[in-house]
């Protein structure tokens, strides 16, 4: 297996990755653009873009911002509302796997930044049915989350005639350099289907189960081309206009708004994905079982590119987390009413045989970035560490426990006397 000589990404990255003659991956090469771009000029371009939407179409809202309550969401909303002066409508797709700290952070976002908010909650039985289908067909429990979060905001935009949607960072650009910052790629129906949904849109699920009808899939059905054209809906990425630094941005949000952070099972990053029980646990463990690496590789690679850790330190972090079997698995099995053996049987057809081999009844990794810790050939591609930062762990207003269940809905207003996500 080939690995980037600068970061830790393998050549079997599911989003696709390329390497130059020096063995540096496309994600690292595109990241270098961040140090070349005149961000002051980019900011003026964004200001000009926003001026086209201020009070011109909707009498109430200038744009839509999709949120789940992460540190990135705080940064986006704060930037759009308080720096550029727009009045955004916040929209959330309920992923059904909410944590207490996640519920509180979302409430804190709405309260501290004083924004109107809409949330879409699909019936729990429907979500379980869809999860069973996508687990079998795609080896993926998170399809409904990706489909919902990238569909509901567009549905709201077309129904309320709010033509501008502001997303955070383009993940495909940020991880593997699928696009350039100079391309200013926007969020579209095609991008959503091909990259986020693995070419499986809602229509492809029709007929896969007698328990799922076209109406059940309404929350995941993208507006028609005619609707999009009539409302002139477009989705821009803020990351194309500002130097995107998720760690620094979140630390600013901790200082300004009291964003809470929390430990996670499969990564050292205490800022991201903490709103969801499964994103950095079960969902990420599936990624490892399929491709041989997980979210800790994503986080360490980004920190290497931002000159915060060395490649060797990144490999040590991977060694600490990438094989961890999450305790949250049992919670998920109980929720979906399946056994571990059944779960693993659904994942097995999706194992990447370029990195996994089966020995008897057990699967073994053929290779790993751990085997390249002392690779001397990386020296000419090495970045010098210049901005070390430690991920903060804040105090929690309410203790998190593995005994906690998924929270379907929690309170949406936060104050000093009534902060709890659930009763008790």
Protein backbone atom coordinates (compact mmCIF):
# COMPACT_ATOMS: atom_id res chain seq x y z
CA UNK A 1 0.00 0.00 0.00
CA UNK A 2 1.31 3.45 -0.89
CA UNK A 3 1.11 6.17 1.76
CA UNK A 4 1.61 9.90 1.41
CA UNK A 5 5.16 11.00 2.23
CA UNK A 6 3.84 14.05 4.09
CA UNK A 7 0.57 13.07 5.76
CA UNK A 8 -0.78 9.60 6.58
CA UNK A 9 -3.34 8.92 3.85
CA UNK A 10 -3.27 5.59 1.98
CA UNK A 11 -3.82 5.18 -1.73
CA UNK A 12 -7.11 3.30 -1.11
CA UNK A 13 -8.85 6.39 0.30
CA UNK A 14 -12.51 5.92 -0.71
CA UNK A 15 -12.78 9.48 -2.02
CA UNK A 16 -9.89 8.88 -4.41
CA UNK A 17 -6.39 10.26 -4.01
CA UNK A 18 -3.37 10.79 -6.25
CA UNK A 19 0.36 11.25 -5.60
CA UNK A 20 2.95 13.44 -7.29
CA UNK A 21 6.47 12.31 -8.22
CA UNK A 22 7.65 13.00 -4.66
CA UNK A 23 4.95 10.80 -3.16
CA UNK A 24 2.92 13.74 -1.79
CA UNK A 25 -0.84 13.25 -1.98
CA UNK A 26 -3.31 15.50 -3.75
CA UNK A 27 -4.83 16.55 -0.41
CA UNK A 28 -1.51 17.90 0.84
CA UNK A 29 -0.84 19.68 -2.46
CA UNK A 30 -4.22 21.43 -2.44
CA UNK A 31 -3.71 22.33 1.23
CA UNK A 32 -0.62 24.32 0.16
CA UNK A 33 -2.99 26.70 -1.66
CA UNK A 34 -4.08 28.00 1.75
CA UNK A 35 -0.68 29.65 2.14
CA UNK A 36 -0.71 31.12 -1.38
CA UNK A 37 -4.21 32.62 -1.51
CA UNK A 38 -4.85 36.28 -0.71
CA UNK A 39 -7.60 35.71 1.85
CA UNK A 40 -8.33 39.41 2.24
CA UNK A 41 -9.21 39.49 -1.44
CA UNK A 42 -11.31 36.36 -1.01
CA UNK A 43 -13.19 37.99 1.85
CA UNK A 44 -14.03 40.96 -0.36
CA UNK A 45 -15.32 38.55 -3.03
CA UNK A 46 -17.56 36.97 -0.43
CA UNK A 47 -18.81 40.35 0.77
CA UNK A 48 -19.72 41.23 -2.81
CA UNK A 49 -21.51 37.90 -3.23
CA UNK A 50 -23.53 38.43 -0.05
CA UNK A 51 -24.55 41.91 -1.14
CA UNK A 52 -26.56 40.31 -3.93
CA UNK A 53 -28.73 38.48 -1.40
CA UNK A 54 -29.22 41.00 1.38
CA UNK A 55 -32.97 41.73 1.58
CA UNK A 56 -33.44 41.12 -2.16
CA UNK A 57 -35.56 37.96 -2.18
CA UNK A 58 -36.88 36.79 1.18
CA UNK A 59 -38.28 39.46 3.51
CA UNK A 60 -37.15 37.46 6.54
CA UNK A 61 -33.97 35.47 5.89
CA UNK A 62 -30.93 36.19 3.75
CA UNK A 63 -29.57 32.65 3.70
CA UNK A 64 -29.78 29.18 5.17
CA UNK A 65 -27.01 27.61 7.26
CA UNK A 66 -27.13 23.83 7.89
CA UNK A 67 -26.07 23.09 11.49
CA UNK A 68 -25.73 20.25 13.97
CA UNK A 69 -24.15 22.28 16.77
CA UNK A 70 -20.45 21.59 16.10
CA UNK A 71 -17.65 24.08 16.67
CA UNK A 72 -17.51 24.62 12.90
CA UNK A 73 -21.21 25.55 12.96
CA UNK A 74 -20.59 28.17 15.64
CA UNK A 75 -17.83 29.63 13.48
CA UNK A 76 -19.94 29.72 10.31
CA UNK A 77 -22.99 31.26 11.97
CA UNK A 78 -20.89 33.80 13.87
CA UNK A 79 -19.07 34.77 10.67
CA UNK A 80 -22.19 35.07 8.53
CA UNK A 81 -24.33 36.88 11.09
CA UNK A 82 -21.93 38.99 13.10
CA UNK A 83 -19.20 39.72 10.56
CA UNK A 84 -21.16 40.00 7.31
CA UNK A 85 -24.49 41.09 8.78
CA UNK A 86 -26.79 38.51 7.20
CA UNK A 87 -29.90 37.15 8.92
CA UNK A 88 -29.63 33.36 8.55
CA UNK A 89 -32.19 30.63 9.11
CA UNK A 90 -30.51 27.63 10.75
CA UNK A 91 -31.71 24.17 9.72
CA UNK A 92 -30.89 20.77 11.20
CA UNK A 93 -31.50 17.20 10.11
CA UNK A 94 -31.96 15.12 13.26
CA UNK A 95 -29.54 12.17 13.06
CA UNK A 96 -31.31 10.23 15.89
CA UNK A 97 -27.93 9.49 17.54
CA UNK A 98 -27.70 12.67 19.60
CA UNK A 99 -25.52 12.99 22.71
CA UNK A 100 -26.23 15.18 25.71
CA UNK A 101 -23.27 17.43 24.98
CA UNK A 102 -24.44 17.69 21.37
CA UNK A 103 -27.95 18.72 22.37
CA UNK A 104 -26.52 21.34 24.71
CA UNK A 105 -24.15 22.73 22.09
CA UNK A 106 -26.95 23.05 19.55
CA UNK A 107 -29.09 24.83 22.17
CA UNK A 108 -26.09 27.03 22.99
CA UNK A 109 -25.65 27.90 19.30
CA UNK A 110 -29.29 29.01 18.96
CA UNK A 111 -29.25 30.87 22.26
CA UNK A 112 -25.90 32.63 22.12
CA UNK A 113 -26.21 33.65 18.47
CA UNK A 114 -29.97 34.29 18.64
CA UNK A 115 -31.03 32.56 15.43
CA UNK A 116 -34.29 31.09 14.15
CA UNK A 117 -34.11 27.35 13.64
CA UNK A 118 -35.93 24.50 11.87
CA UNK A 119 -35.32 20.82 12.54
CA UNK A 120 -36.41 17.76 10.56
CA UNK A 121 -37.04 14.56 12.54
CA UNK A 122 -37.97 11.47 10.54
CA UNK A 123 -39.92 8.71 12.30
CA UNK A 124 -37.61 6.40 14.28
CA UNK A 125 -38.94 3.18 12.71
CA UNK A 126 -38.35 4.58 9.22
CA UNK A 127 -34.76 5.48 10.13
CA UNK A 128 -34.15 1.97 11.45
CA UNK A 129 -35.55 0.44 8.27
CA UNK A 130 -33.36 2.65 6.08
CA UNK A 131 -30.30 1.89 8.22
CA UNK A 132 -30.89 -1.84 7.81
CA UNK A 133 -31.17 -1.42 4.04
CA UNK A 134 -28.04 0.70 3.64
CA UNK A 135 -26.03 -1.50 6.01
CA UNK A 136 -26.77 -4.49 3.77
CA UNK A 137 -26.48 -2.69 0.41
CA UNK A 138 -23.63 -0.30 1.12
CA UNK A 139 -22.01 -1.45 4.36
CA UNK A 140 -22.99 1.95 5.73
CA UNK A 141 -25.07 2.98 8.77
CA UNK A 142 -24.68 6.70 8.07
CA UNK A 143 -26.33 7.05 4.66
CA UNK A 144 -29.49 8.53 6.14
CA UNK A 145 -27.46 11.14 8.05
CA UNK A 146 -25.52 12.27 4.97
CA UNK A 147 -28.63 12.20 2.79
CA UNK A 148 -30.73 14.07 5.34
CA UNK A 149 -28.19 16.75 6.20
CA UNK A 150 -27.61 17.49 2.51
CA UNK A 151 -31.27 17.37 1.49
CA UNK A 152 -33.31 19.12 4.19
CA UNK A 153 -31.56 22.51 3.82
CA UNK A 154 -32.22 22.48 0.07
CA UNK A 155 -35.86 21.50 0.60
CA UNK A 156 -36.29 24.44 2.98
CA UNK A 157 -34.55 26.78 0.54
CA UNK A 158 -36.96 25.91 -2.27
CA UNK A 159 -40.08 26.00 -0.08
CA UNK A 160 -39.27 29.32 1.61
CA UNK A 161 -37.64 30.92 -1.43
CA UNK A 162 -34.28 31.47 0.25
CA UNK A 163 -31.84 30.94 -2.63
CA UNK A 164 -28.51 30.99 -0.76
CA UNK A 165 -27.22 28.13 1.41
CA UNK A 166 -23.89 28.58 3.22
CA UNK A 167 -22.04 25.36 4.03
CA UNK A 168 -18.81 25.14 6.02
CA UNK A 169 -15.83 23.42 4.46
CA UNK A 170 -15.78 21.23 1.37
CA UNK A 171 -14.70 17.93 2.91
CA UNK A 172 -13.67 16.39 -0.39
CA UNK A 173 -11.35 19.31 -1.08
CA UNK A 174 -10.04 19.39 2.47
CA UNK A 175 -9.20 15.69 2.73
CA UNK A 176 -8.03 14.53 -0.70
CA UNK A 177 -7.82 17.65 -2.86
CA UNK A 178 -10.65 16.50 -5.10
CA UNK A 179 -11.11 20.17 -6.00
CA UNK A 180 -8.99 23.31 -5.72
CA UNK A 181 -9.84 26.37 -3.65
CA UNK A 182 -9.51 28.30 -6.90
CA UNK A 183 -12.33 26.26 -8.46
CA UNK A 184 -14.81 27.65 -5.91
CA UNK A 185 -16.85 24.49 -6.28
CA UNK A 186 -20.41 24.77 -4.98
CA UNK A 187 -22.70 22.20 -3.36
CA UNK A 188 -24.91 20.59 -6.02
CA UNK A 189 -27.22 17.64 -6.49
CA UNK A 190 -24.49 15.85 -8.48
CA UNK A 191 -21.78 16.39 -5.84
CA UNK A 192 -24.14 15.12 -3.14
CA UNK A 193 -25.05 11.94 -4.98
CA UNK A 194 -21.65 10.99 -6.35
CA UNK A 195 -19.51 11.72 -3.32
CA UNK A 196 -21.62 11.84 -0.17
CA UNK A 197 -24.22 9.18 -1.02
CA UNK A 198 -21.99 6.75 -2.95
CA UNK A 199 -24.21 7.20 -6.01
CA UNK A 200 -27.22 5.89 -4.10
CA UNK A 201 -29.94 8.52 -3.88
CA UNK A 202 -33.34 8.09 -2.23
CA UNK A 203 -34.98 6.87 -5.41
CA UNK A 204 -32.57 3.91 -5.53
CA UNK A 205 -33.99 2.64 -2.22
CA UNK A 206 -37.56 2.42 -3.52
CA UNK A 207 -38.64 -1.20 -3.71
CA UNK A 208 -35.83 -2.50 -1.51
CA UNK A 209 -38.23 -3.13 1.38
CA UNK A 210 -41.99 -3.50 1.64
CA UNK A 211 -41.77 -1.34 4.75
CA UNK A 212 -40.32 1.69 2.92
CA UNK A 213 -42.46 3.69 0.52
CA UNK A 214 -41.72 6.70 -1.66
CA UNK A 215 -43.46 8.86 0.95
CA UNK A 216 -41.18 7.47 3.68
CA UNK A 217 -38.19 8.69 1.66
CA UNK A 218 -39.50 12.22 1.24
CA UNK A 219 -36.98 13.64 3.73
CA UNK A 220 -34.14 12.30 1.58
CA UNK A 221 -35.55 13.21 -1.83
CA UNK A 222 -33.76 16.15 -3.40
CA UNK A 223 -35.85 18.93 -4.96
CA UNK A 224 -36.39 18.64 -8.70
CA UNK A 225 -34.27 20.53 -11.20
CA UNK A 226 -37.33 22.66 -11.94
CA UNK A 227 -37.70 23.63 -8.27
CA UNK A 228 -34.01 24.46 -7.99
CA UNK A 229 -34.13 26.56 -11.15
CA UNK A 230 -37.30 28.40 -10.16
CA UNK A 231 -35.79 29.40 -6.82
CA UNK A 232 -32.25 29.88 -8.15
CA UNK A 233 -30.86 27.91 -5.21
CA UNK A 234 -27.08 27.76 -4.83
CA UNK A 235 -24.88 26.39 -2.07
CA UNK A 236 -21.48 27.94 -1.38
CA UNK A 237 -18.69 26.73 0.91
CA UNK A 238 -17.34 29.27 3.37
CA UNK A 239 -14.05 27.36 3.25
CA UNK A 240 -13.48 28.71 -0.27
CA UNK A 241 -13.37 32.26 1.10
CA UNK A 242 -11.63 32.00 4.48
CA UNK A 243 -8.54 30.16 5.69
CA UNK A 244 -10.25 27.10 7.15
CA UNK A 245 -8.67 25.95 10.40
CA UNK A 246 -11.18 23.89 12.34
CA UNK A 247 -9.11 23.54 15.50
CA UNK A 248 -8.32 27.24 15.85
CA UNK A 249 -11.87 28.21 14.91
CA UNK A 250 -13.36 25.91 17.54
CA UNK A 251 -11.02 27.23 20.22
CA UNK A 252 -12.25 30.72 19.40
CA UNK A 253 -15.82 29.45 19.81
CA UNK A 254 -14.93 27.89 23.18
CA UNK A 255 -13.65 31.29 24.34
CA UNK A 256 -16.53 33.33 22.91
CA UNK A 257 -19.57 31.11 23.47
CA UNK A 258 -18.60 28.33 25.88
CA UNK A 259 -18.67 25.49 23.33
CA UNK A 260 -18.30 22.21 25.24
CA UNK A 261 -15.85 19.52 24.13
CA UNK A 262 -15.61 15.83 24.97
CA UNK A 263 -13.38 12.76 24.70
CA UNK A 264 -14.10 10.26 21.92
CA UNK A 265 -13.41 6.56 21.58
CA UNK A 266 -11.54 6.42 18.28
CA UNK A 267 -9.72 9.73 17.98
CA UNK A 268 -7.80 12.26 20.05
CA UNK A 269 -9.79 15.17 18.56
CA UNK A 270 -12.20 16.35 21.27
CA UNK A 271 -13.94 18.99 19.13
CA UNK A 272 -15.59 17.25 16.19
CA UNK A 273 -18.40 14.68 15.94
CA UNK A 274 -19.15 14.90 19.67
CA UNK A 275 -22.80 15.64 18.88
CA UNK A 276 -23.27 12.07 17.62
CA UNK A 277 -22.84 8.74 19.40
CA UNK A 278 -21.85 6.96 16.19
CA UNK A 279 -19.88 9.26 13.92
CA UNK A 280 -16.49 8.77 15.58
CA UNK A 281 -17.33 5.33 16.97
CA UNK A 282 -19.50 2.81 15.07
CA UNK A 283 -19.50 4.68 11.76
CA UNK A 284 -15.74 5.19 11.98
CA UNK A 285 -15.12 1.60 13.05
CA UNK A 286 -16.93 0.46 9.89
CA UNK A 287 -14.59 2.69 7.89
CA UNK A 288 -11.65 0.93 9.52
CA UNK A 289 -13.12 -2.53 8.83
CA UNK A 290 -13.53 -1.58 5.17
CA UNK A 291 -10.43 0.46 4.37
CA UNK A 292 -7.97 -0.21 7.19
CA UNK A 293 -7.85 3.33 8.57
CA UNK A 294 -10.16 5.65 10.48
CA UNK A 295 -10.96 9.18 11.59
CA UNK A 296 -7.80 9.44 13.67
CA UNK A 297 -5.88 9.32 10.37
CA UNK A 298 -8.05 12.14 9.03
CA UNK A 299 -7.39 14.27 12.09
CA UNK A 300 -3.67 13.54 12.30
CA UNK A 301 -3.18 14.19 8.58
CA UNK A 302 -4.86 17.57 8.88
CA UNK A 303 -2.76 18.49 11.93
CA UNK A 304 0.40 17.52 10.05
CA UNK A 305 -0.62 19.79 7.16
CA UNK A 306 -1.30 22.63 9.58
CA UNK A 307 2.22 22.16 10.98
CA UNK A 308 1.01 21.17 14.45
CA UNK A 309 2.49 17.68 14.77
CA UNK A 310 5.18 15.68 13.04
CA UNK A 311 4.38 12.74 10.81
CA UNK A 312 5.87 10.41 13.41
CA UNK A 313 3.66 11.85 16.14
CA UNK A 314 0.69 11.37 13.85
CA UNK A 315 1.56 7.71 13.40
CA UNK A 316 1.75 7.27 17.17
CA UNK A 317 -1.75 8.74 17.49
CA UNK A 318 -3.03 6.34 14.84
CA UNK A 319 -1.47 3.45 16.74
CA UNK A 320 -3.40 4.47 19.87
CA UNK A 321 -6.83 4.64 18.25
CA UNK A 322 -7.29 3.01 14.84
CA UNK A 323 -7.97 -0.55 16.06
CA UNK A 324 -10.13 0.42 19.05
CA UNK A 325 -13.40 -1.50 19.05
CA UNK A 326 -15.91 1.09 20.30
CA UNK A 327 -18.06 0.41 23.33
CA UNK A 328 -20.82 2.25 21.48
CA UNK A 329 -21.27 -0.82 19.26
CA UNK A 330 -23.51 -2.49 21.82
CA UNK A 331 -25.74 0.57 21.98
CA UNK A 332 -26.09 0.50 18.20
CA UNK A 333 -26.80 -3.24 18.09
CA UNK A 334 -29.54 -2.80 20.66
CA UNK A 335 -31.04 0.16 18.78
CA UNK A 336 -31.16 -1.73 15.46
CA UNK A 337 -31.95 -5.08 17.12
CA UNK A 338 -29.14 -7.02 15.47
CA UNK A 339 -26.29 -9.19 16.71
CA UNK A 340 -22.60 -8.51 16.16
CA UNK A 341 -22.28 -11.54 13.88
CA UNK A 342 -25.02 -10.20 11.63
CA UNK A 343 -23.43 -6.76 11.61
CA UNK A 344 -20.03 -8.15 10.59
CA UNK A 345 -21.59 -10.30 7.87
CA UNK A 346 -22.99 -7.14 6.26
CA UNK A 347 -19.59 -5.42 6.37
CA UNK A 348 -17.56 -8.38 5.05
CA UNK A 349 -18.40 -7.94 1.31
CA UNK A 350 -17.15 -4.36 1.50
CA UNK A 351 -13.70 -5.12 2.93
CA UNK A 352 -11.02 -3.69 0.67
CA UNK A 353 -8.92 -6.70 -0.30
CA UNK A 354 -5.98 -4.47 -1.19
CA UNK A 355 -5.50 -3.87 2.55
CA UNK A 356 -7.27 -6.80 4.25
CA UNK A 357 -6.70 -10.55 3.97
CA UNK A 358 -8.65 -13.36 5.55
CA UNK A 359 -6.75 -15.97 7.51
CA UNK A 360 -9.10 -18.73 8.59
CA UNK A 361 -12.07 -16.98 10.14
CA UNK A 362 -10.12 -13.83 11.01
CA UNK A 363 -9.33 -10.73 8.99
CA UNK A 364 -5.82 -9.26 9.11
CA UNK A 365 -4.37 -6.01 7.82
CA UNK A 366 -1.83 -6.54 5.06
CA UNK A 367 -0.22 -3.20 5.75
CA UNK A 368 -0.60 -0.06 7.84
CA UNK A 369 0.91 3.39 8.20
CA UNK A 370 2.40 2.03 11.44
CA UNK A 371 4.95 0.18 9.32
CA UNK A 372 6.36 3.47 7.99
CA UNK A 373 7.18 5.37 11.15
CA UNK A 374 10.92 5.29 10.43
CA UNK A 375 10.65 5.94 6.70
CA UNK A 376 13.65 8.16 5.92
CA UNK A 377 12.33 9.03 2.45
CA UNK A 378 9.75 11.39 3.98
CA UNK A 379 12.36 13.92 5.09
CA UNK A 380 12.43 15.90 1.84
CA UNK A 381 8.64 16.29 1.98
CA UNK A 382 8.48 17.08 5.68
CA UNK A 383 6.74 20.17 7.06
CA UNK A 384 8.37 21.94 9.99
CA UNK A 385 6.15 22.09 13.07
CA UNK A 386 5.45 25.74 13.88
CA UNK A 387 2.05 25.92 15.60
CA UNK A 388 1.63 23.26 18.26
CA UNK A 389 -1.83 23.13 19.84
CA UNK A 390 -3.44 20.73 22.28
CA UNK A 391 -7.11 19.82 21.93
CA UNK A 392 -8.95 21.17 24.95
CA UNK A 393 -11.31 19.17 27.12
CA UNK A 394 -13.78 21.54 28.72
CA UNK A 395 -15.85 20.86 31.81
CA UNK A 396 -19.26 19.37 31.01
CA UNK A 397 -22.48 20.83 32.40
CA UNK A 398 -23.78 17.27 32.64
CA UNK A 399 -21.77 14.06 32.75
CA UNK A 400 -21.66 11.84 29.67
CA UNK A 401 -21.89 8.09 30.22
CA UNK A 402 -21.79 5.02 28.00
CA UNK A 403 -25.01 4.05 29.75
CA UNK A 404 -26.80 7.00 28.17
CA UNK A 405 -29.17 6.23 25.33
CA UNK A 406 -29.49 8.08 22.04
CA UNK A 407 -31.44 11.30 22.53
CA UNK A 408 -34.11 11.83 19.90
CA UNK A 409 -35.04 15.34 21.02
CA UNK A 410 -33.70 17.61 23.75
CA UNK A 411 -34.41 21.14 24.93
CA UNK A 412 -33.60 23.90 22.45
CA UNK A 413 -33.00 26.75 24.88
CA UNK A 414 -30.03 26.98 27.20
CA UNK A 415 -29.74 29.00 30.38
CA UNK A 416 -27.78 28.76 33.63
CA UNK A 417 -30.57 27.14 35.63
CA UNK A 418 -31.93 24.65 33.09
CA UNK A 419 -29.16 23.33 30.93
CA UNK A 420 -29.84 19.61 30.84
CA UNK A 421 -30.32 17.74 27.60
CA UNK A 422 -32.71 15.29 29.24
CA UNK A 423 -34.78 15.10 32.39
CA UNK A 424 -32.99 14.06 35.58
